[in-house]
Amino acid sequence: MNARCVWAGRVRLKMLWIRGNGETQPFEVILGEPAPLADGSITLESVRPDKITNIVLKPEDYRFSFRFAGGL
């Protein structure tokens, strides 16, 4: 993962969906905004840790929570 600040206050993740047949599909999610995926939508609901200015965070320090709506 490549974590960097491109817009203060806005979290955007570029991700890769690996389908059951092995095909890959890149997509992007923005915190709080549903994004179409498969037969539904996925929403990035939270990012941890919260904004910290006194320490340097490594990409592996971040944790994300998602919600998927849809499905068969």
N, C-alpha and C. Protein backbone atom coordinates (compact mmCIF):
# COMPACT_ATOMS: atom_id res chain seq x y z
N MET A 1 0.84 -1.16 0.00
CA MET A 1 0.00 0.00 0.00
C MET A 1 0.89 1.23 0.00
N ASN A 2 0.43 2.26 -0.67
CA ASN A 2 1.15 3.52 -0.72
C ASN A 2 0.27 4.58 -0.08
N ALA A 3 0.53 4.94 1.17
CA ALA A 3 -0.29 5.93 1.88
C ALA A 3 0.39 7.28 1.79
N ARG A 4 -0.38 8.29 1.36
CA ARG A 4 0.15 9.64 1.29
C ARG A 4 -0.99 10.62 1.32
N CYS A 5 -0.71 11.83 1.73
CA CYS A 5 -1.73 12.87 1.82
C CYS A 5 -1.79 13.61 0.49
N VAL A 6 -2.97 13.59 -0.14
CA VAL A 6 -3.15 14.33 -1.39
C VAL A 6 -4.22 15.40 -1.25
N TRP A 7 -5.06 15.31 -0.22
CA TRP A 7 -6.11 16.29 0.01
C TRP A 7 -6.42 16.26 1.50
N ALA A 8 -6.07 17.29 2.23
CA ALA A 8 -6.26 17.32 3.67
C ALA A 8 -7.72 17.06 4.03
N GLY A 9 -7.95 16.11 4.93
CA GLY A 9 -9.30 15.80 5.38
C GLY A 9 -10.04 14.81 4.52
N ARG A 10 -9.46 14.31 3.46
CA ARG A 10 -10.13 13.37 2.57
C ARG A 10 -9.27 12.11 2.44
N VAL A 11 -9.88 10.95 2.70
CA VAL A 11 -9.16 9.68 2.57
C VAL A 11 -9.63 8.99 1.31
N ARG A 12 -8.68 8.61 0.49
CA ARG A 12 -8.95 7.94 -0.77
C ARG A 12 -8.03 6.73 -0.86
N LEU A 13 -8.58 5.56 -1.14
CA LEU A 13 -7.79 4.34 -1.26
C LEU A 13 -7.95 3.76 -2.66
N LYS A 14 -6.83 3.41 -3.26
CA LYS A 14 -6.86 2.66 -4.51
C LYS A 14 -6.66 1.20 -4.11
N MET A 15 -7.59 0.35 -4.60
CA MET A 15 -7.58 -1.06 -4.19
C MET A 15 -7.67 -1.95 -5.42
N LEU A 16 -7.48 -3.24 -5.19
CA LEU A 16 -7.53 -4.23 -6.25
C LEU A 16 -8.47 -5.35 -5.84
N TRP A 17 -9.53 -5.56 -6.61
CA TRP A 17 -10.46 -6.65 -6.38
C TRP A 17 -9.97 -7.84 -7.19
N ILE A 18 -9.72 -8.96 -6.53
CA ILE A 18 -9.32 -10.20 -7.20
C ILE A 18 -10.53 -11.10 -7.24
N ARG A 19 -11.09 -11.27 -8.43
CA ARG A 19 -12.31 -12.06 -8.61
C ARG A 19 -12.02 -13.55 -8.44
N GLY A 20 -13.08 -14.30 -8.26
CA GLY A 20 -12.95 -15.75 -8.06
C GLY A 20 -12.29 -16.45 -9.23
N ASN A 21 -12.42 -15.90 -10.45
CA ASN A 21 -11.80 -16.53 -11.62
C ASN A 21 -10.36 -16.06 -11.84
N GLY A 22 -9.83 -15.27 -10.90
CA GLY A 22 -8.44 -14.81 -11.00
C GLY A 22 -8.26 -13.46 -11.68
N GLU A 23 -9.32 -12.95 -12.33
CA GLU A 23 -9.22 -11.63 -12.96
C GLU A 23 -9.12 -10.56 -11.88
N THR A 24 -8.44 -9.48 -12.21
CA THR A 24 -8.30 -8.38 -11.26
C THR A 24 -8.98 -7.12 -11.80
N GLN A 25 -9.50 -6.34 -10.88
CA GLN A 25 -10.16 -5.09 -11.25
C GLN A 25 -9.78 -4.02 -10.24
N PRO A 26 -9.00 -3.01 -10.67
CA PRO A 26 -8.69 -1.92 -9.75
C PRO A 26 -9.92 -1.04 -9.53
N PHE A 27 -10.04 -0.49 -8.34
CA PHE A 27 -11.11 0.44 -8.03
C PHE A 27 -10.65 1.37 -6.92
N GLU A 28 -11.44 2.41 -6.66
CA GLU A 28 -11.07 3.40 -5.66
C GLU A 28 -12.25 3.66 -4.74
N VAL A 29 -11.95 3.82 -3.45
CA VAL A 29 -12.99 4.20 -2.48
C VAL A 29 -12.57 5.49 -1.80
N ILE A 30 -13.57 6.29 -1.44
CA ILE A 30 -13.36 7.54 -0.72
C ILE A 30 -14.14 7.44 0.58
N LEU A 31 -13.53 7.83 1.67
CA LEU A 31 -14.15 7.72 2.99
C LEU A 31 -15.57 8.28 2.98
N GLY A 32 -16.52 7.41 3.37
CA GLY A 32 -17.91 7.82 3.50
C GLY A 32 -18.73 7.80 2.23
N GLU A 33 -18.12 7.48 1.09
CA GLU A 33 -18.85 7.48 -0.18
C GLU A 33 -18.93 6.06 -0.74
N PRO A 34 -20.14 5.55 -1.02
CA PRO A 34 -20.25 4.21 -1.60
C PRO A 34 -19.65 4.17 -3.01
N ALA A 35 -19.00 3.06 -3.32
CA ALA A 35 -18.43 2.85 -4.66
C ALA A 35 -18.99 1.54 -5.21
N PRO A 36 -19.41 1.52 -6.47
CA PRO A 36 -19.95 0.29 -7.04
C PRO A 36 -18.88 -0.80 -7.10
N LEU A 37 -19.28 -2.01 -6.71
CA LEU A 37 -18.37 -3.16 -6.77
C LEU A 37 -19.21 -4.42 -6.85
N ALA A 38 -18.87 -5.28 -7.81
CA ALA A 38 -19.59 -6.54 -8.03
C ALA A 38 -21.08 -6.24 -8.20
N ASP A 39 -21.93 -6.88 -7.39
CA ASP A 39 -23.37 -6.67 -7.51
C ASP A 39 -23.91 -5.77 -6.39
N GLY A 40 -23.05 -4.88 -5.89
CA GLY A 40 -23.46 -3.99 -4.81
C GLY A 40 -22.56 -2.78 -4.74
N SER A 41 -22.32 -2.33 -3.51
CA SER A 41 -21.42 -1.20 -3.32
C SER A 41 -20.61 -1.42 -2.04
N ILE A 42 -19.43 -0.85 -2.01
CA ILE A 42 -18.55 -0.92 -0.85
C ILE A 42 -18.29 0.50 -0.37
N THR A 43 -18.32 0.67 0.96
CA THR A 43 -18.09 1.98 1.55
C THR A 43 -16.94 1.89 2.55
N LEU A 44 -15.97 2.76 2.41
CA LEU A 44 -14.90 2.90 3.40
C LEU A 44 -15.51 3.67 4.55
N GLU A 45 -15.67 3.02 5.71
CA GLU A 45 -16.37 3.65 6.83
C GLU A 45 -15.46 4.33 7.84
N SER A 46 -14.25 3.80 8.04
CA SER A 46 -13.37 4.44 9.01
C SER A 46 -11.91 4.12 8.69
N VAL A 47 -11.06 5.00 9.17
CA VAL A 47 -9.61 4.85 9.02
C VAL A 47 -8.99 5.09 10.38
N ARG A 48 -8.08 4.23 10.78
CA ARG A 48 -7.36 4.37 12.04
C ARG A 48 -5.87 4.27 11.77
N PRO A 49 -5.04 4.96 12.45
CA PRO A 49 -5.34 5.90 13.54
C PRO A 49 -5.89 7.21 12.99
N ASP A 50 -6.51 7.98 13.89
CA ASP A 50 -6.97 9.31 13.52
C ASP A 50 -5.77 10.16 13.14
N LYS A 51 -6.04 11.32 12.61
CA LYS A 51 -4.98 12.24 12.19
C LYS A 51 -4.02 12.51 13.36
N ILE A 52 -2.74 12.24 13.14
CA ILE A 52 -1.70 12.47 14.15
C ILE A 52 -0.61 13.32 13.51
N THR A 53 -0.22 14.39 14.15
CA THR A 53 0.77 15.28 13.55
C THR A 53 2.14 15.20 14.22
N ASN A 54 2.21 14.55 15.39
CA ASN A 54 3.48 14.56 16.11
C ASN A 54 4.33 13.31 15.88
N ILE A 55 3.85 12.36 15.10
CA ILE A 55 4.66 11.17 14.77
C ILE A 55 4.51 10.84 13.29
N VAL A 56 5.49 10.12 12.77
CA VAL A 56 5.45 9.69 11.37
C VAL A 56 4.86 8.29 11.33
N LEU A 57 3.79 8.13 10.56
CA LEU A 57 3.15 6.83 10.42
C LEU A 57 3.67 6.12 9.18
N LYS A 58 3.82 4.80 9.29
CA LYS A 58 4.20 3.98 8.15
C LYS A 58 2.91 3.45 7.51
N PRO A 59 2.94 3.12 6.24
CA PRO A 59 1.73 2.59 5.59
C PRO A 59 1.11 1.42 6.34
N GLU A 60 1.91 0.56 6.92
CA GLU A 60 1.37 -0.61 7.63
C GLU A 60 0.74 -0.27 8.98
N ASP A 61 0.83 0.98 9.43
CA ASP A 61 0.19 1.42 10.67
C ASP A 61 -1.31 1.67 10.51
N TYR A 62 -1.78 1.81 9.28
CA TYR A 62 -3.18 2.16 9.04
C TYR A 62 -4.08 0.93 9.08
N ARG A 63 -5.31 1.13 9.56
CA ARG A 63 -6.36 0.10 9.57
C ARG A 63 -7.62 0.71 8.98
N PHE A 64 -8.38 -0.10 8.23
CA PHE A 64 -9.55 0.38 7.53
C PHE A 64 -10.76 -0.50 7.84
N SER A 65 -11.94 0.11 7.88
CA SER A 65 -13.19 -0.63 8.05
C SER A 65 -14.09 -0.34 6.85
N PHE A 66 -14.70 -1.41 6.33
CA PHE A 66 -15.54 -1.31 5.14
C PHE A 66 -16.92 -1.89 5.40
N ARG A 67 -17.90 -1.46 4.59
CA ARG A 67 -19.23 -2.07 4.61
C ARG A 67 -19.61 -2.38 3.16
N PHE A 68 -20.07 -3.62 2.93
CA PHE A 68 -20.54 -4.01 1.60
C PHE A 68 -22.05 -4.12 1.64
N ALA A 69 -22.72 -3.51 0.69
CA ALA A 69 -24.17 -3.58 0.58
C ALA A 69 -24.52 -4.21 -0.77
N GLY A 70 -25.29 -5.27 -0.73
CA GLY A 70 -25.66 -5.97 -1.96
C GLY A 70 -25.42 -7.44 -1.78
N GLY A 71 -25.19 -8.09 -2.85
CA GLY A 71 -24.91 -9.53 -2.80
C GLY A 71 -26.13 -10.33 -3.23
N LEU A 72 -25.87 -11.57 -3.55
CA LEU A 72 -26.94 -12.45 -4.03
C LEU A 72 -27.80 -12.94 -2.89
